[in-house]
Amino acid sequence: MKLEDVLAEIFIDVLRLDKDVDVKTLKYRSTEKWDSLAHMELVTALEERFDIMLDNVDVLRISSFQAAVDIIGTKYGVAVEA
């Protein structure tokens, strides 16, 4: 499973989205389900799943699905085995 797939599952679960939603288009507040409270739940889920601690700047920078992929994969070096 790729990092994007794992992140998609987390986004769908935390934001309580339909399975057929194209998560690649998700942006903070682009859906009413991604509000400030849901954002913090998402951050917590990411930290727990990948055993990382996001710094404050990165918490704010995760403003889209793609930003999460970039930050988690690049800065924190998270890789998911197939």
Protein backbone atom coordinates (compact mmCIF):
# COMPACT_ATOMS: atom_id res chain seq x y z
CA MET A 1 0.00 0.00 0.00
CA LYS A 2 1.36 3.42 -0.95
CA LEU A 3 1.56 6.40 1.39
CA GLU A 4 -1.18 8.13 -0.61
CA ASP A 5 -3.50 5.16 -0.08
CA VAL A 6 -2.93 5.11 3.68
CA LEU A 7 -3.45 8.87 3.89
CA ALA A 8 -6.63 8.57 1.81
CA GLU A 9 -8.02 6.04 4.29
CA ILE A 10 -7.19 8.37 7.18
CA PHE A 11 -8.79 11.40 5.50
CA ILE A 12 -11.94 9.43 4.60
CA ASP A 13 -12.24 8.02 8.11
CA VAL A 14 -11.52 11.20 10.08
CA LEU A 15 -13.58 13.49 7.84
CA ARG A 16 -16.35 10.88 7.55
CA LEU A 17 -16.39 11.06 3.76
CA ASP A 18 -17.92 8.70 1.24
CA LYS A 19 -15.46 6.11 -0.06
CA ASP A 20 -15.83 7.42 -3.63
CA VAL A 21 -14.66 10.97 -2.80
CA ASP A 22 -11.56 12.05 -4.72
CA VAL A 23 -9.35 12.90 -1.76
CA LYS A 24 -6.69 14.37 -4.06
CA THR A 25 -8.94 17.42 -4.50
CA LEU A 26 -9.57 17.97 -0.78
CA LYS A 27 -8.54 21.29 0.70
CA TYR A 28 -9.08 22.67 4.19
CA ARG A 29 -12.57 24.15 4.43
CA SER A 30 -13.38 23.08 0.86
CA THR A 31 -15.79 20.67 2.46
CA GLU A 32 -17.87 21.53 5.50
CA LYS A 33 -16.60 18.37 7.16
CA TRP A 34 -13.02 19.70 7.25
CA ASP A 35 -13.33 22.43 9.85
CA SER A 36 -10.88 23.39 12.59
CA LEU A 37 -11.98 20.60 14.92
CA ALA A 38 -11.75 17.98 12.17
CA HIS A 39 -8.33 19.38 11.27
CA MET A 40 -7.02 18.68 14.77
CA GLU A 41 -8.55 15.19 14.67
CA LEU A 42 -6.79 14.64 11.35
CA VAL A 43 -3.46 15.81 12.79
CA THR A 44 -3.87 13.47 15.75
CA ALA A 45 -4.71 10.53 13.47
CA LEU A 46 -1.65 11.22 11.30
CA GLU A 47 0.65 11.48 14.31
CA GLU A 48 -0.67 8.25 15.81
CA ARG A 49 -0.65 6.27 12.56
CA PHE A 50 2.89 7.24 11.59
CA ASP A 51 4.34 7.66 15.10
CA ILE A 52 5.45 11.22 14.42
CA MET A 53 4.98 14.62 16.05
CA LEU A 54 4.06 17.34 13.58
CA ASP A 55 5.48 20.73 14.43
CA ASN A 56 3.17 23.74 14.58
CA VAL A 57 4.18 25.02 11.16
CA ASP A 58 3.38 21.68 9.54
CA VAL A 59 0.03 21.46 11.33
CA LEU A 60 -0.89 24.71 9.61
CA ARG A 61 0.68 23.71 6.28
CA ILE A 62 -1.49 20.61 5.98
CA SER A 63 -4.17 22.51 4.12
CA SER A 64 -4.84 19.90 1.46
CA PHE A 65 -4.51 16.19 0.87
CA GLN A 66 -1.50 16.78 -1.38
CA ALA A 67 0.18 18.94 1.26
CA ALA A 68 -0.21 16.06 3.73
CA VAL A 69 1.39 13.65 1.24
CA ASP A 70 4.30 16.02 0.67
CA ILE A 71 4.90 16.88 4.33
CA ILE A 72 4.48 13.38 5.76
CA GLY A 73 6.46 11.72 2.98
CA THR A 74 9.27 14.23 2.58
CA LYS A 75 9.88 16.04 5.84
CA TYR A 76 9.09 13.13 8.13
CA GLY A 77 10.44 10.43 5.82
CA VAL A 78 7.39 8.22 6.09
CA ALA A 79 7.30 5.43 3.55
CA VAL A 80 4.72 2.68 3.43
CA GLU A 81 5.58 -0.76 2.12
CA ALA A 82 3.51 -2.30 -0.65
